[in-house]
Amino acid sequence: MAEKQKRTFSGRDTSQGYIVLKTPLRRAIFIAGLAGIVIVSLLLALA
């Protein structure tokens, strides 16, 4: 059997992405989308 080598990675090296909500407009669109999902799901639950 081959031995597996244990490697260590820093948190910066294992980052999966980057922050895309850098501008206030993008943040507002994101929050409005989340609020819209909640409102639609509430309306569907009450209907």
C-alpha atoms as a PDB file:
ATOM      1  CA  MET A   1       0.000   0.000   0.000  1.00  0.00           C
ATOM      2  CA  ALA A   2       1.171   3.468  -0.773  1.00  0.00           C
ATOM      3  CA  GLU A   3       1.360   5.828   2.144  1.00  0.00           C
ATOM      4  CA  LYS A   4      -0.597   9.021   1.784  1.00  0.00           C
ATOM      5  CA  GLN A   5       1.393  12.143   2.395  1.00  0.00           C
ATOM      6  CA  LYS A   6      -0.270  14.584   4.728  1.00  0.00           C
ATOM      7  CA  ARG A   7      -0.162  18.089   3.390  1.00  0.00           C
ATOM      8  CA  THR A   8      -1.118  21.243   5.216  1.00  0.00           C
ATOM      9  CA  PHE A   9      -2.764  24.189   3.552  1.00  0.00           C
ATOM     10  CA  SER A  10      -3.262  27.697   4.821  1.00  0.00           C
ATOM     11  CA  GLY A  11      -6.751  29.176   4.906  1.00  0.00           C
ATOM     12  CA  ARG A  12      -5.799  31.587   2.145  1.00  0.00           C
ATOM     13  CA  ASP A  13      -4.720  28.732  -0.135  1.00  0.00           C
ATOM     14  CA  THR A  14      -7.953  26.778   0.346  1.00  0.00           C
ATOM     15  CA  SER A  15     -10.320  29.683  -0.235  1.00  0.00           C
ATOM     16  CA  GLN A  16     -13.093  28.633  -2.621  1.00  0.00           C
ATOM     17  CA  GLY A  17     -13.939  32.027  -4.003  1.00  0.00           C
ATOM     18  CA  TYR A  18     -13.923  35.736  -3.537  1.00  0.00           C
ATOM     19  CA  ILE A  19     -16.425  38.297  -2.322  1.00  0.00           C
ATOM     20  CA  VAL A  20     -18.552  39.560  -5.196  1.00  0.00           C
ATOM     21  CA  LEU A  21     -20.776  41.893  -3.139  1.00  0.00           C
ATOM     22  CA  LYS A  22     -18.259  44.704  -3.104  1.00  0.00           C
ATOM     23  CA  THR A  23     -20.476  47.546  -4.276  1.00  0.00           C
ATOM     24  CA  PRO A  24     -23.565  48.822  -2.442  1.00  0.00           C
ATOM     25  CA  LEU A  25     -25.716  48.165  -5.524  1.00  0.00           C
ATOM     26  CA  ARG A  26     -24.705  44.506  -5.678  1.00  0.00           C
ATOM     27  CA  ARG A  27     -25.393  44.120  -1.951  1.00  0.00           C
ATOM     28  CA  ALA A  28     -28.834  45.701  -2.358  1.00  0.00           C
ATOM     29  CA  ILE A  29     -29.703  43.417  -5.268  1.00  0.00           C
ATOM     30  CA  PHE A  30     -28.579  40.362  -3.286  1.00  0.00           C
ATOM     31  CA  ILE A  31     -30.586  41.320  -0.189  1.00  0.00           C
ATOM     32  CA  ALA A  32     -33.648  42.159  -2.296  1.00  0.00           C
ATOM     33  CA  GLY A  33     -33.404  38.737  -3.932  1.00  0.00           C
ATOM     34  CA  LEU A  34     -33.257  37.000  -0.555  1.00  0.00           C
ATOM     35  CA  ALA A  35     -36.207  39.035   0.710  1.00  0.00           C
ATOM     36  CA  GLY A  36     -38.133  38.224  -2.468  1.00  0.00           C
ATOM     37  CA  ILE A  37     -37.603  34.501  -1.955  1.00  0.00           C
ATOM     38  CA  VAL A  38     -38.899  34.761   1.610  1.00  0.00           C
ATOM     39  CA  ILE A  39     -41.947  36.792   0.563  1.00  0.00           C
ATOM     40  CA  VAL A  40     -42.842  34.427  -2.282  1.00  0.00           C
ATOM     41  CA  SER A  41     -42.468  31.380  -0.067  1.00  0.00           C
ATOM     42  CA  LEU A  42     -44.718  32.985   2.577  1.00  0.00           C
ATOM     43  CA  LEU A  43     -47.333  33.834  -0.036  1.00  0.00           C
ATOM     44  CA  LEU A  44     -47.268  30.303  -1.396  1.00  0.00           C
ATOM     45  CA  ALA A  45     -47.573  28.851   2.109  1.00  0.00           C
ATOM     46  CA  LEU A  46     -50.591  31.032   2.891  1.00  0.00           C
ATOM     47  CA  ALA A  47     -52.339  30.447  -0.438  1.00  0.00           C
END
